[in-house]
C-alpha cells in the first residue's frame, strides 16, 4: 500500500475503529467465556517457554493466537488490552478489504463494502472476547489483498509470494484446519498442472508450498511431543464423537467433558445458552468416565473409534447431523439442548444476505468463467474447501466469519465487472 493511500484509508475508517473501541469497553467481562480460558492457558504456557505439556500434550488449537497475546501477558497488560487488540485487528482487516476491492471496482464501491463487512454482526459479537476470530478476519483480508497484489503483475513477484505465504502460515497456526485446506489445494493444483502449467498456476503453487514450509517448525514441535507426523490436534476425536451421535434430539454439536459428566447434577450450571443437560449426561456420561483416565491423545483415538463405529451403524443419524452442521455453519442453528433466543438472527439475517447474493452471482460467473481472474477463482475454491472441512468437523456461526470476506469479494467482482451494476442511477 502506498503511504498516502494508506493514510487516507486509515482516516476514512477511523469512525469504525472508534465504534470498535466503544464496543469492547461497553461489553467486556472480567469472567472468562468459552474458549477464552484455553487461549489464556496456552499464552501463559508460552511465557514460560512451552506450548503444551510434553508428557500429556493437549493440542486443542494452534499457537498462532496465543503467540500474539503472550507478549502482552509478559508485561501484565491486562485483559482489556487483549480485547482492544481485536478492535485493531478488525480495523486493519477492513482497510485490507477496501484495498482489495479497489483492485477491480471504483472507490465508492470499495468504501461501502468495506464498511458493510466492518459492521458484520457475527464479527462484532466476538470483538469483546479473547477469541481468535478478529485476528483470523484480519489474516484472511490481508491474504486476499496480497493474493490480488501478486496477480496484479504478470511477473512472479517474489516479495508478494513471501508475504502471502507468511499470512497463509499464520492462518494455519491460528486455525489448524487450514493445513488440510492447503493439502487439498495442492492436490487439486497438482491435477491442474497435468493440464495447464501456466505462470498463474506456478504463483499459487509457490504460495501454498511456501505457507507449508513456514509451518514446518511447528510440525516438528508437534512431532516431538506426540511422535505422530501432521498430528496438530487432540480434540478432533471428541468433535467427531458428537458429530456421529445417534441419540434422538441431538444434532451433532460438541459438548465439553464437564457438560457430559456433570450435566445431570442438580448443582451443575451449564453455559447459560443451554437448557437442562440431564439427557446429554445420561447419553454420554459413561463414555466420558471410561475415558477420563486416558491421556489426551489416547482419548482422542478412543473417541474417533466410537465415532467411526456410530457412522457405520447409524448412517442416517450422521447424515441428519451433517445437515444440521451445515445449518450451524451458515445460520448458527440448530444446537442440541439449547435455549431458543433471538441471538440466532444476528447470524441468520446477515449470512442469508451474503449467501443469497453469492449464489445469485454464480450463474453470471459461470457464463463468463473464461474472463474471471485466476486469483478470484483460487480464492473461492480455497474458501469452499475450508467450508467442506468445517462441515465434517464442528460447524457454527463463528466459522462462517472466515468465509464472509471471500464470498463478498467474489460477489462484488461479479456485480461490478460482469453485470456492471452501479451505485447511482446513470443519466
Protein backbone atom coordinates (compact mmCIF):
# COMPACT_ATOMS: atom_id res chain seq x y z
CA UNK A 1 0.00 0.00 0.00
CA UNK A 2 1.28 3.49 -0.83
CA UNK A 3 1.72 5.76 2.19
CA UNK A 4 -0.73 8.45 1.08
CA UNK A 5 -3.35 5.87 0.14
CA UNK A 6 -2.88 4.05 3.43
CA UNK A 7 -3.20 7.26 5.45
CA UNK A 8 -6.39 8.15 3.59
CA UNK A 9 -7.85 4.71 4.30
CA UNK A 10 -6.96 4.99 7.99
CA UNK A 11 -8.69 8.36 8.27
CA UNK A 12 -11.64 7.10 6.25
CA UNK A 13 -12.33 4.20 8.61
CA UNK A 14 -11.47 5.86 11.93
CA UNK A 15 -15.20 6.00 12.85
CA UNK A 16 -15.23 2.21 12.69
CA UNK A 17 -12.21 1.96 14.96
CA UNK A 18 -13.86 4.28 17.47
CA UNK A 19 -17.02 2.18 17.33
CA UNK A 20 -14.99 -1.00 17.93
CA UNK A 21 -13.25 0.52 20.96
CA UNK A 22 -16.60 1.60 22.44
CA UNK A 23 -17.96 -1.88 21.80
CA UNK A 24 -15.06 -3.52 23.65
CA UNK A 25 -15.27 -1.09 26.58
CA UNK A 26 -19.04 -1.49 26.88
CA UNK A 27 -19.28 -5.28 26.71
CA UNK A 28 -16.02 -6.60 28.17
CA UNK A 29 -16.47 -9.04 31.03
CA UNK A 30 -13.94 -9.90 33.72
CA UNK A 31 -15.03 -13.56 33.70
CA UNK A 32 -13.78 -15.92 31.02
CA UNK A 33 -16.31 -17.23 28.48
CA UNK A 34 -15.97 -20.37 26.37
CA UNK A 35 -12.59 -20.63 24.64
CA UNK A 36 -11.11 -17.60 26.40
CA UNK A 37 -9.62 -19.62 29.25
CA UNK A 38 -7.97 -22.07 26.83
CA UNK A 39 -6.30 -19.28 24.86
CA UNK A 40 -5.07 -17.75 28.10
CA UNK A 41 -3.65 -21.08 29.31
CA UNK A 42 -1.69 -21.55 26.08
CA UNK A 43 -0.47 -17.95 26.12
CA UNK A 44 0.68 -18.34 29.74
CA UNK A 45 2.45 -21.56 28.78
CA UNK A 46 4.33 -19.69 26.05
CA UNK A 47 5.51 -17.08 28.55
CA UNK A 48 7.12 -19.99 30.40
CA UNK A 49 8.81 -21.40 27.31
CA UNK A 50 6.47 -24.18 26.18
CA UNK A 51 3.11 -24.60 24.45
CA UNK A 52 1.74 -27.91 25.74
CA UNK A 53 2.72 -30.45 28.39
CA UNK A 54 5.26 -32.78 26.77
CA UNK A 55 4.18 -35.72 28.95
CA UNK A 56 0.49 -35.34 28.10
CA UNK A 57 0.09 -32.82 25.25
CA UNK A 58 -3.31 -31.22 24.84
CA UNK A 59 -3.38 -29.59 21.41
CA UNK A 60 -6.82 -28.04 21.18
CA UNK A 61 -5.79 -25.27 18.81
CA UNK A 62 -2.72 -23.87 17.12
CA UNK A 63 -0.25 -21.48 18.75
CA UNK A 64 -0.97 -18.53 16.46
CA UNK A 65 -3.35 -16.53 18.64
CA UNK A 66 -1.60 -17.40 21.94
CA UNK A 67 1.69 -16.23 20.37
CA UNK A 68 0.11 -12.86 19.60
CA UNK A 69 -1.26 -12.26 23.11
CA UNK A 70 1.62 -13.84 25.09
CA UNK A 71 3.87 -10.72 24.94
CA UNK A 72 1.07 -8.67 26.50
CA UNK A 73 0.79 -11.18 29.35
CA UNK A 74 4.53 -10.87 29.91
CA UNK A 75 4.16 -7.15 30.61
CA UNK A 76 0.91 -7.65 32.59
CA UNK A 77 -1.03 -5.52 30.14
CA UNK A 78 -4.43 -6.67 31.42
CA UNK A 79 -7.38 -8.42 29.79
CA UNK A 80 -8.88 -5.20 28.44
CA UNK A 81 -5.76 -4.59 26.34
CA UNK A 82 -6.09 -8.08 24.81
CA UNK A 83 -9.66 -7.29 23.86
CA UNK A 84 -8.79 -3.89 22.46
CA UNK A 85 -6.36 -5.70 20.17
CA UNK A 86 -9.46 -7.14 18.49
CA UNK A 87 -10.55 -3.63 17.53
CA UNK A 88 -7.16 -3.08 15.88
CA UNK A 89 -7.23 -6.44 14.10
CA UNK A 90 -10.65 -5.85 12.57
CA UNK A 91 -9.77 -2.24 11.68
CA UNK A 92 -6.67 -3.43 9.78
CA UNK A 93 -8.74 -6.15 8.14
CA UNK A 94 -11.30 -3.62 6.91
CA UNK A 95 -8.56 -1.48 5.37
CA UNK A 96 -7.10 -4.53 3.63
CA UNK A 97 -10.56 -5.48 2.36
CA UNK A 98 -11.19 -2.00 0.97
CA UNK A 99 -7.83 -2.02 -0.83
CA UNK A 100 -8.62 -5.44 -2.32
CA UNK A 101 -12.00 -4.32 -3.69
CA UNK A 102 -10.20 -1.30 -5.19
CA UNK A 103 -8.23 -3.64 -7.48
CA UNK A 104 -11.30 -4.12 -9.66
CA UNK A 105 -14.03 -1.67 -8.55
CA UNK A 106 -14.46 2.06 -8.11
CA UNK A 107 -13.53 3.73 -4.84
CA UNK A 108 -17.16 4.24 -3.78
CA UNK A 109 -17.85 0.51 -4.05
CA UNK A 110 -14.76 -0.31 -2.05
CA UNK A 111 -15.70 2.09 0.75
CA UNK A 112 -19.31 0.94 1.02
CA UNK A 113 -18.43 -2.77 1.00
CA UNK A 114 -15.61 -2.28 3.49
CA UNK A 115 -17.96 -0.51 5.89
CA UNK A 116 -20.52 -3.28 5.46
CA UNK A 117 -18.01 -6.04 6.17
CA UNK A 118 -16.67 -3.99 9.08
CA UNK A 119 -20.16 -3.92 10.61
CA UNK A 120 -20.76 -7.65 10.08
CA UNK A 121 -22.74 -8.65 13.23
CA UNK A 122 -21.13 -12.08 13.90
CA UNK A 123 -17.70 -10.43 13.78
CA UNK A 124 -18.81 -7.70 16.20
CA UNK A 125 -20.09 -10.43 18.51
CA UNK A 126 -16.52 -11.61 19.21
CA UNK A 127 -14.96 -8.16 19.50
CA UNK A 128 -15.13 -8.01 23.35
CA UNK A 129 -13.88 -11.60 23.77
CA UNK A 130 -10.43 -13.18 23.88
CA UNK A 131 -11.21 -15.25 20.80
CA UNK A 132 -9.16 -15.69 17.63
CA UNK A 133 -11.93 -14.64 15.20
CA UNK A 134 -10.91 -10.93 14.92
CA UNK A 135 -7.29 -11.92 14.26
CA UNK A 136 -8.40 -14.53 11.72
CA UNK A 137 -10.55 -11.93 9.97
CA UNK A 138 -7.52 -9.66 9.63
CA UNK A 139 -5.37 -12.51 8.30
CA UNK A 140 -7.98 -13.52 5.71
CA UNK A 141 -8.38 -9.93 4.47
CA UNK A 142 -4.60 -9.48 4.30
CA UNK A 143 -4.26 -12.79 2.46
CA UNK A 144 -6.85 -11.69 -0.11
CA UNK A 145 -5.11 -8.35 -0.68
CA UNK A 146 -1.66 -9.83 -1.20
CA UNK A 147 -3.04 -12.59 -3.41
CA UNK A 148 -4.59 -9.97 -5.70
CA UNK A 149 -1.40 -7.91 -5.46
CA UNK A 150 0.58 -10.96 -6.52
CA UNK A 151 -1.52 -11.37 -9.66
CA UNK A 152 -1.52 -7.64 -10.46
CA UNK A 153 1.73 -8.22 -12.34
CA UNK A 154 2.31 -10.90 -14.94
CA UNK A 155 5.76 -11.49 -13.44
CA UNK A 156 6.43 -13.71 -10.45
CA UNK A 157 6.77 -11.17 -7.63
CA UNK A 158 8.96 -12.86 -5.02
CA UNK A 159 8.16 -10.25 -2.36
CA UNK A 160 4.42 -10.81 -2.67
CA UNK A 161 4.89 -14.59 -2.66
CA UNK A 162 6.79 -14.35 0.62
CA UNK A 163 4.24 -12.01 2.23
CA UNK A 164 1.26 -14.10 1.08
CA UNK A 165 2.96 -17.28 2.29
CA UNK A 166 3.59 -15.68 5.69
CA UNK A 167 -0.08 -14.80 6.09
CA UNK A 168 -1.08 -18.29 4.96
CA UNK A 169 1.24 -19.85 7.53
CA UNK A 170 -0.13 -17.60 10.26
CA UNK A 171 -3.64 -18.63 9.24
CA UNK A 172 -2.70 -22.29 9.74
CA UNK A 173 -1.18 -21.56 13.14
CA UNK A 174 -4.38 -19.83 14.24
CA UNK A 175 -6.82 -22.28 12.62
CA UNK A 176 -5.14 -25.65 12.18
CA UNK A 177 -7.85 -26.88 9.81
CA UNK A 178 -6.14 -24.82 7.10
CA UNK A 179 -3.27 -27.30 7.00
CA UNK A 180 -5.78 -29.72 5.49
CA UNK A 181 -7.07 -26.98 3.21
CA UNK A 182 -3.52 -26.42 1.93
CA UNK A 183 -3.09 -30.17 1.38
CA UNK A 184 -6.32 -30.48 -0.64
CA UNK A 185 -5.47 -27.30 -2.58
CA UNK A 186 -2.07 -28.72 -3.52
CA UNK A 187 -3.70 -31.94 -4.70
CA UNK A 188 -6.13 -30.01 -6.90
CA UNK A 189 -3.31 -27.84 -8.18
CA UNK A 190 -1.26 -30.92 -8.95
CA UNK A 191 -4.11 -32.18 -11.11
CA UNK A 192 -4.32 -28.78 -12.80
CA UNK A 193 -0.59 -28.89 -13.58
CA UNK A 194 -1.17 -32.03 -15.64
CA UNK A 195 -3.46 -29.99 -17.85
CA UNK A 196 -2.06 -26.46 -17.66
CA UNK A 197 1.34 -25.23 -16.47
CA UNK A 198 0.82 -21.51 -16.91
CA UNK A 199 2.61 -18.96 -14.73
CA UNK A 200 -0.60 -18.21 -12.83
CA UNK A 201 -0.61 -21.78 -11.53
CA UNK A 202 3.04 -21.51 -10.56
CA UNK A 203 2.35 -18.42 -8.44
CA UNK A 204 -0.31 -20.07 -6.32
CA UNK A 205 1.84 -23.19 -6.05
CA UNK A 206 4.70 -21.14 -4.63
CA UNK A 207 2.32 -19.57 -2.08
CA UNK A 208 0.88 -22.90 -0.94
CA UNK A 209 4.28 -24.56 -0.71
CA UNK A 210 5.75 -21.50 0.98
CA UNK A 211 2.95 -21.45 3.55
CA UNK A 212 3.51 -25.12 4.26
CA UNK A 213 7.28 -24.75 4.64
CA UNK A 214 6.83 -21.90 7.10
CA UNK A 215 4.81 -24.10 9.47
CA UNK A 216 7.31 -26.97 9.34
CA UNK A 217 8.91 -25.81 12.63
CA UNK A 218 5.54 -26.23 14.36
CA UNK A 219 5.07 -29.63 12.71
CA UNK A 220 8.47 -30.63 14.06
CA UNK A 221 7.40 -29.44 17.52
CA UNK A 222 4.14 -31.39 17.47
CA UNK A 223 6.00 -34.48 16.28
CA UNK A 224 8.44 -34.10 19.17
CA UNK A 225 5.61 -34.19 21.75
CA UNK A 226 3.26 -36.66 20.03
CA UNK A 227 5.54 -38.93 17.96
CA UNK A 228 2.99 -38.51 15.17
CA UNK A 229 3.52 -36.70 11.88
CA UNK A 230 1.00 -33.96 10.99
CA UNK A 231 -0.82 -34.51 14.28
CA UNK A 232 -1.92 -30.98 15.20
CA UNK A 233 -5.00 -31.51 17.35
CA UNK A 234 -6.16 -33.75 20.18
CA UNK A 235 -9.75 -32.52 20.09
CA UNK A 236 -10.82 -33.90 16.73
CA UNK A 237 -11.94 -37.26 18.08
CA UNK A 238 -14.29 -35.71 20.62
CA UNK A 239 -15.78 -33.44 17.94
CA UNK A 240 -16.37 -36.42 15.64
CA UNK A 241 -17.86 -38.38 18.53
CA UNK A 242 -20.57 -35.77 19.00
CA UNK A 243 -20.95 -35.32 15.22
CA UNK A 244 -21.82 -39.02 14.95
CA UNK A 245 -24.16 -39.13 17.95
CA UNK A 246 -27.07 -41.50 17.23
CA UNK A 247 -29.33 -40.23 20.03
CA UNK A 248 -32.68 -38.63 19.37
CA UNK A 249 -32.88 -34.83 19.71
CA UNK A 250 -29.10 -34.47 19.43
CA UNK A 251 -27.85 -32.60 16.39
CA UNK A 252 -24.13 -33.29 16.39
CA UNK A 253 -22.77 -30.17 18.09
CA UNK A 254 -19.85 -30.51 20.51
CA UNK A 255 -20.21 -30.58 24.30
CA UNK A 256 -17.49 -30.36 26.91
CA UNK A 257 -16.45 -33.13 29.28
CA UNK A 258 -17.93 -31.15 32.19
CA UNK A 259 -21.30 -30.99 30.42
CA UNK A 260 -21.30 -34.70 29.65
CA UNK A 261 -20.22 -35.87 33.13
CA UNK A 262 -21.95 -33.31 35.34
CA UNK A 263 -24.94 -32.31 33.22
CA UNK A 264 -27.24 -34.49 35.33
CA UNK A 265 -26.18 -32.97 38.67
CA UNK A 266 -28.70 -30.60 40.20
CA UNK A 267 -25.97 -28.16 41.30
CA UNK A 268 -24.23 -28.05 37.89
CA UNK A 269 -24.63 -24.81 35.97
CA UNK A 270 -24.01 -25.25 32.23
CA UNK A 271 -23.31 -22.41 29.84
CA UNK A 272 -26.30 -20.07 30.05
CA UNK A 273 -27.33 -20.80 26.44
CA UNK A 274 -28.19 -24.40 27.31
CA UNK A 275 -31.22 -25.93 28.94
CA UNK A 276 -31.06 -28.79 31.42
CA UNK A 277 -28.39 -31.28 30.31
CA UNK A 278 -29.76 -34.34 32.12
CA UNK A 279 -30.42 -36.20 28.87
CA UNK A 280 -27.00 -35.32 27.46
CA UNK A 281 -25.31 -36.65 30.57
CA UNK A 282 -27.44 -39.78 30.52
CA UNK A 283 -26.41 -40.49 26.92
CA UNK A 284 -22.67 -39.79 27.25
CA UNK A 285 -21.59 -39.82 30.89
CA UNK A 286 -20.42 -43.44 30.97
CA UNK A 287 -18.25 -42.99 27.88
CA UNK A 288 -16.59 -39.92 29.32
CA UNK A 289 -15.99 -41.57 32.67
CA UNK A 290 -14.44 -44.56 30.91
CA UNK A 291 -12.04 -42.28 29.02
CA UNK A 292 -11.34 -39.87 31.87
CA UNK A 293 -8.12 -41.60 32.96
CA UNK A 294 -6.66 -41.68 29.43
CA UNK A 295 -4.11 -39.21 28.07
CA UNK A 296 -5.41 -36.58 25.67
CA UNK A 297 -4.03 -38.48 22.69
CA UNK A 298 -5.46 -41.80 23.87
CA UNK A 299 -8.81 -40.15 24.49
CA UNK A 300 -8.72 -38.63 21.02
CA UNK A 301 -8.19 -42.05 19.45
CA UNK A 302 -10.89 -43.67 21.61
CA UNK A 303 -13.46 -41.04 20.65
CA UNK A 304 -12.59 -41.43 16.97
CA UNK A 305 -13.10 -45.18 17.23
CA UNK A 306 -16.61 -44.77 18.64
CA UNK A 307 -17.41 -42.04 16.12
CA UNK A 308 -16.45 -44.25 13.17
CA UNK A 309 -18.50 -47.13 14.56
CA UNK A 310 -21.53 -44.87 15.00
CA UNK A 311 -21.15 -43.59 11.45
CA UNK A 312 -21.24 -47.18 10.19
CA UNK A 313 -24.13 -48.37 12.34
CA UNK A 314 -26.22 -45.17 12.29
CA UNK A 315 -25.58 -43.55 8.88
CA UNK A 316 -29.00 -41.86 8.90
CA UNK A 317 -28.18 -40.10 12.18
CA UNK A 318 -24.81 -38.98 10.81
CA UNK A 319 -26.45 -37.57 7.67
CA UNK A 320 -29.01 -35.75 9.84
CA UNK A 321 -26.21 -34.31 11.98
CA UNK A 322 -24.28 -33.28 8.86
CA UNK A 323 -27.28 -31.36 7.55
CA UNK A 324 -27.61 -29.74 10.98
CA UNK A 325 -23.91 -28.90 10.91
CA UNK A 326 -24.35 -27.07 7.61
CA UNK A 327 -27.16 -25.12 9.25
CA UNK A 328 -24.93 -24.24 12.22
CA UNK A 329 -22.15 -23.08 9.91
CA UNK A 330 -24.41 -20.87 7.82
CA UNK A 331 -27.03 -19.76 10.34
CA UNK A 332 -25.77 -20.84 13.79
CA UNK A 333 -28.74 -23.20 14.16
CA UNK A 334 -29.75 -25.86 15.33
CA UNK A 335 -27.99 -26.80 18.59
CA UNK A 336 -28.86 -29.66 20.92
CA UNK A 337 -30.34 -28.71 24.32
CA UNK A 338 -30.00 -25.00 23.61
CA UNK A 339 -32.44 -22.32 24.71
CA UNK A 340 -34.29 -20.54 21.91
CA UNK A 341 -33.46 -16.84 21.72
CA UNK A 342 -33.19 -14.01 19.23
CA UNK A 343 -29.38 -14.15 19.06
CA UNK A 344 -29.59 -16.56 16.12
CA UNK A 345 -30.98 -13.73 13.97
CA UNK A 346 -27.65 -11.95 14.37
CA UNK A 347 -26.16 -14.76 12.29
CA UNK A 348 -29.13 -15.72 10.12
CA UNK A 349 -30.02 -12.34 8.63
CA UNK A 350 -26.54 -11.15 7.52
CA UNK A 351 -25.43 -14.64 6.47
CA UNK A 352 -28.60 -15.22 4.47
CA UNK A 353 -27.97 -11.97 2.60
CA UNK A 354 -24.33 -12.90 1.87
CA UNK A 355 -25.22 -16.44 0.77
CA UNK A 356 -28.16 -15.45 -1.46
CA UNK A 357 -26.19 -12.66 -3.17
CA UNK A 358 -23.27 -15.05 -3.70
CA UNK A 359 -25.50 -17.82 -5.07
CA UNK A 360 -27.12 -15.38 -7.49
CA UNK A 361 -23.66 -14.39 -8.71
CA UNK A 362 -22.71 -17.95 -9.65
CA UNK A 363 -24.75 -18.13 -12.87
CA UNK A 364 -23.29 -14.99 -14.49
CA UNK A 365 -19.89 -16.10 -13.19
CA UNK A 366 -20.33 -19.43 -14.97
CA UNK A 367 -21.38 -17.76 -18.21
CA UNK A 368 -18.28 -15.53 -18.16
CA UNK A 369 -15.98 -18.04 -16.47
CA UNK A 370 -13.19 -17.58 -19.00
CA UNK A 371 -12.92 -13.91 -18.10
CA UNK A 372 -12.76 -14.38 -14.33
CA UNK A 373 -9.35 -13.60 -12.79
CA UNK A 374 -7.42 -16.67 -11.71
CA UNK A 375 -6.92 -15.27 -8.21
CA UNK A 376 -10.69 -14.83 -7.80
CA UNK A 377 -11.29 -18.49 -8.68
CA UNK A 378 -8.42 -19.63 -6.46
CA UNK A 379 -9.78 -17.61 -3.55
CA UNK A 380 -13.30 -19.03 -3.77
CA UNK A 381 -12.09 -22.63 -4.23
CA UNK A 382 -9.84 -22.27 -1.17
CA UNK A 383 -12.83 -20.97 0.81
CA UNK A 384 -15.11 -23.80 -0.32
CA UNK A 385 -12.51 -26.41 0.61
CA UNK A 386 -12.44 -24.88 4.08
CA UNK A 387 -16.26 -24.97 4.23
CA UNK A 388 -16.28 -28.68 3.38
CA UNK A 389 -13.72 -29.35 6.11
CA UNK A 390 -15.77 -27.45 8.69
CA UNK A 391 -18.92 -29.36 7.72
CA UNK A 392 -17.09 -32.60 8.50
CA UNK A 393 -15.96 -31.12 11.83
CA UNK A 394 -17.81 -28.71 14.13
CA UNK A 395 -19.61 -26.01 12.19
CA UNK A 396 -21.01 -22.92 13.90
CA UNK A 397 -21.67 -19.29 13.02
CA UNK A 398 -18.26 -18.02 14.02
CA UNK A 399 -16.65 -20.34 11.44
CA UNK A 400 -18.54 -18.50 8.70
CA UNK A 401 -16.75 -15.26 9.63
CA UNK A 402 -13.68 -16.66 7.87
CA UNK A 403 -15.70 -17.20 4.69
CA UNK A 404 -17.56 -13.88 4.60
CA UNK A 405 -14.79 -11.66 3.10
CA UNK A 406 -14.14 -14.08 0.23
CA UNK A 407 -17.83 -14.54 -0.61
CA UNK A 408 -18.49 -10.79 -0.52
CA UNK A 409 -15.38 -10.13 -2.61
CA UNK A 410 -16.43 -12.67 -5.24
CA UNK A 411 -19.95 -11.25 -5.42
CA UNK A 412 -18.58 -7.70 -5.64
CA UNK A 413 -16.46 -8.63 -8.64
CA UNK A 414 -19.36 -10.28 -10.47
CA UNK A 415 -21.79 -7.44 -9.88
CA UNK A 416 -19.33 -4.64 -10.72
CA UNK A 417 -17.37 -6.25 -13.58
CA UNK A 418 -19.71 -8.80 -15.16
CA UNK A 419 -23.18 -7.39 -14.52
CA UNK A 420 -21.80 -3.83 -14.17
CA UNK A 421 -24.34 -2.67 -11.58
CA UNK A 422 -23.76 0.92 -10.43
CA UNK A 423 -24.45 2.54 -7.07
CA UNK A 424 -26.15 5.57 -8.61
CA UNK A 425 -28.58 5.90 -11.46
CA UNK A 426 -26.89 6.86 -14.70
CA UNK A 427 -28.40 9.58 -16.87
